[in-house]
Protein backbone atom coordinates (compact mmCIF):
# COMPACT_ATOMS: atom_id res chain seq x y z
CA MET A 1 0.13 0.07 0.06
CA LEU A 2 1.16 3.37 -0.99
CA THR A 3 0.38 6.27 0.97
CA GLY A 4 0.88 10.09 0.64
CA LEU A 5 1.50 12.28 3.47
CA PHE A 6 0.58 15.71 3.43
CA GLY A 7 1.22 17.87 6.47
CA GLY A 8 -0.04 21.51 7.23
CA SER A 9 -1.89 23.74 9.63
CA PHE A 10 -5.07 23.32 7.45
CA ASN A 11 -6.46 26.69 8.65
CA PRO A 12 -8.83 26.00 7.43
CA ALA A 13 -8.66 23.24 4.84
CA HIS A 14 -9.68 23.99 1.39
CA GLY A 15 -10.20 23.15 -1.94
CA GLY A 16 -6.34 23.56 -2.80
CA HIS A 17 -5.39 21.23 -0.50
CA ARG A 18 -7.96 18.60 -1.83
CA ARG A 19 -6.79 19.36 -5.58
CA VAL A 20 -3.15 18.72 -4.53
CA SER A 21 -3.89 15.47 -2.80
CA LEU A 22 -6.24 14.41 -5.49
CA PHE A 23 -3.59 15.32 -8.25
CA ALA A 24 -1.09 13.53 -6.28
CA LEU A 25 -3.15 10.53 -5.83
CA ASP A 26 -3.47 9.86 -9.56
CA ALA A 27 -0.29 11.22 -10.73
CA LEU A 28 1.87 9.28 -8.29
CA GLY A 29 -0.62 5.78 -8.14
CA LEU A 30 -1.21 6.40 -4.51
CA ASP A 31 -3.63 4.29 -2.76
CA GLU A 32 -4.73 6.95 -0.38
CA VAL A 33 -3.50 10.23 1.19
CA TRP A 34 -3.35 11.03 4.72
CA TRP A 35 -3.73 14.64 5.94
CA LEU A 36 -1.70 15.18 8.80
CA VAL A 37 -3.37 18.10 10.50
CA SER A 38 -0.74 19.70 12.96
CA PRO A 39 -1.48 20.86 16.53
CA GLY A 40 1.09 23.63 15.81
CA ASN A 41 3.67 24.97 13.09
CA VAL A 42 6.75 26.84 14.90
CA LEU A 43 7.19 28.62 11.33
CA LYS A 44 3.44 29.83 11.51
CA PRO A 45 2.10 32.45 14.21
CA VAL A 46 -0.12 31.14 16.79
CA GLU A 47 -2.33 34.38 16.41
CA GLY A 48 -5.33 33.78 14.18
CA MET A 49 -4.74 29.78 14.52
CA ALA A 50 -7.76 27.78 15.04
CA PRO A 51 -8.15 25.14 17.46
CA LEU A 52 -6.72 21.92 16.43
CA CYS A 53 -10.46 20.33 16.80
CA ALA A 54 -11.98 23.11 14.47
CA ARG A 55 -8.82 22.45 11.47
CA LEU A 56 -9.42 18.58 11.86
CA ALA A 57 -13.35 19.21 11.58
CA SER A 58 -12.70 21.41 8.43
CA ALA A 59 -10.42 18.98 7.03
CA GLN A 60 -12.87 16.07 7.46
CA ALA A 61 -15.47 17.89 5.85
CA MET A 62 -13.31 18.61 2.84
CA THR A 63 -12.15 14.93 2.46
CA ARG A 64 -15.48 13.27 2.49
CA ASN A 65 -16.27 10.79 -0.14
CA THR A 66 -12.48 10.72 -1.08
CA PRO A 67 -9.44 8.26 -0.39
CA ILE A 68 -8.00 11.24 1.54
CA ARG A 69 -8.07 10.92 5.46
CA ALA A 70 -7.81 13.70 7.75
CA THR A 71 -5.70 12.96 10.73
CA ALA A 72 -4.45 14.42 14.21
CA ILE A 73 -2.02 11.63 14.10
CA GLU A 74 0.96 14.21 15.55
CA ARG A 75 -1.31 14.57 18.31
CA GLU A 76 -1.70 10.86 19.18
CA LEU A 77 1.99 10.42 18.50
CA GLY A 78 3.24 13.28 20.78
CA THR A 79 5.29 14.68 17.76
CA ARG A 80 6.48 18.37 17.28
CA PHE A 81 8.66 18.01 14.15
CA THR A 82 8.03 16.26 10.93
CA ILE A 83 10.98 14.19 11.06
CA ASP A 84 9.83 12.79 14.39
CA THR A 85 6.26 12.22 12.93
CA LEU A 86 7.17 10.50 9.93
CA ARG A 87 9.73 8.10 11.69
CA ALA A 88 6.90 7.38 14.10
CA ILE A 89 4.43 6.78 11.35
CA LYS A 90 6.85 4.46 9.60
CA ARG A 91 7.36 2.28 12.95
CA ARG A 92 3.71 2.15 13.36
CA TYR A 93 2.97 0.94 9.86
CA PRO A 94 5.85 -1.13 8.60
CA LYS A 95 4.03 -2.88 5.80
CA ARG A 96 3.16 0.67 4.08
CA ARG A 97 5.25 2.66 1.74
CA PHE A 98 5.04 6.84 2.12
CA VAL A 99 5.55 9.45 0.34
CA TRP A 100 5.55 13.13 1.68
CA ILE A 101 3.77 15.63 -0.39
CA MET A 102 4.45 19.14 -0.43
CA GLY A 103 3.45 22.27 -2.48
CA ALA A 104 6.34 24.21 -4.15
CA ASP A 105 5.34 27.20 -1.53
CA ASN A 106 6.53 24.82 1.06
CA LEU A 107 9.60 23.69 -0.89
CA ALA A 108 10.67 27.43 -1.04
CA GLN A 109 10.99 27.36 2.72
CA PHE A 110 11.88 23.87 3.39
CA HIS A 111 15.36 24.63 4.21
CA LYS A 112 14.16 26.31 7.34
CA TRP A 113 12.51 22.91 8.63
CA LYS A 114 14.27 21.37 11.32
CA TYR A 115 15.99 18.47 10.06
CA TRP A 116 15.06 18.98 6.50
CA ARG A 117 17.87 16.92 5.02
CA GLN A 118 17.03 13.80 7.25
CA ILE A 119 13.32 14.33 6.05
CA ALA A 120 14.29 13.81 2.27
CA ARG A 121 16.30 10.78 3.38
CA GLU A 122 13.57 9.28 5.34
CA MET A 123 11.26 9.09 2.47
CA PRO A 124 10.52 10.09 -1.00
CA ILE A 125 9.11 13.75 -1.23
CA ALA A 126 6.57 14.81 -4.21
CA VAL A 127 6.61 18.64 -4.79
CA ILE A 128 3.21 19.79 -6.54
CA ALA A 129 3.62 22.97 -8.56
CA ARG A 130 1.67 25.68 -7.36
CA PRO A 131 0.95 28.92 -9.51
CA GLY A 132 3.33 31.90 -8.22
CA TYR A 133 5.65 29.69 -6.21
CA ASP A 134 7.47 27.61 -8.67
CA ALA A 135 10.36 30.10 -9.46
CA ALA A 136 11.11 30.58 -5.73
CA ALA A 137 10.94 26.66 -5.05
CA LEU A 138 13.56 25.96 -7.92
CA ALA A 139 15.95 28.63 -6.71
CA SER A 140 15.59 27.45 -3.05
CA PRO A 141 18.55 26.38 -1.03
CA ALA A 142 16.66 23.02 -0.26
CA MET A 143 16.24 22.51 -4.05
CA ALA A 144 19.77 23.15 -4.62
CA TRP A 145 20.47 20.10 -2.38
CA LEU A 146 17.50 17.93 -3.57
CA ARG A 147 18.35 18.56 -7.24
CA ARG A 148 20.14 15.28 -7.52
CA TRP A 149 16.83 13.01 -6.85
CA ARG A 150 14.69 15.41 -9.10
CA GLN A 151 12.45 13.38 -11.50
CA ARG A 152 9.69 14.95 -13.57
């Protein structure tokens, strides 16, 4: 089973999140996508962030009748950083294969994430184009390092 992992604040979940996920399902041949609705993001301000339960509810409503599953697995696992979450998920589901999904907007600042290189080593990353962000993503420090694994 091949599962895409798409993390974010989902404040709130919207059609763009859904479109990225449905595109990834088709383009990557995924069986399903899990949305990892984050309890908090150290790179985003707390001000204006809805409570986790509200963000999870909006994500669940947006994913209804799709092979997308909205989760609060980071809260369950007690993890704060993506690298810790990915490692814990792989331990919990050893028979699954995973792909990390991110939009080009996140790739542009991926080098600011804690242990971003380890994330790239932990599992494949699929970067989904987003209008207005592709140039910044391609010029980012993370892309300079990740370029060696780039596939179109």
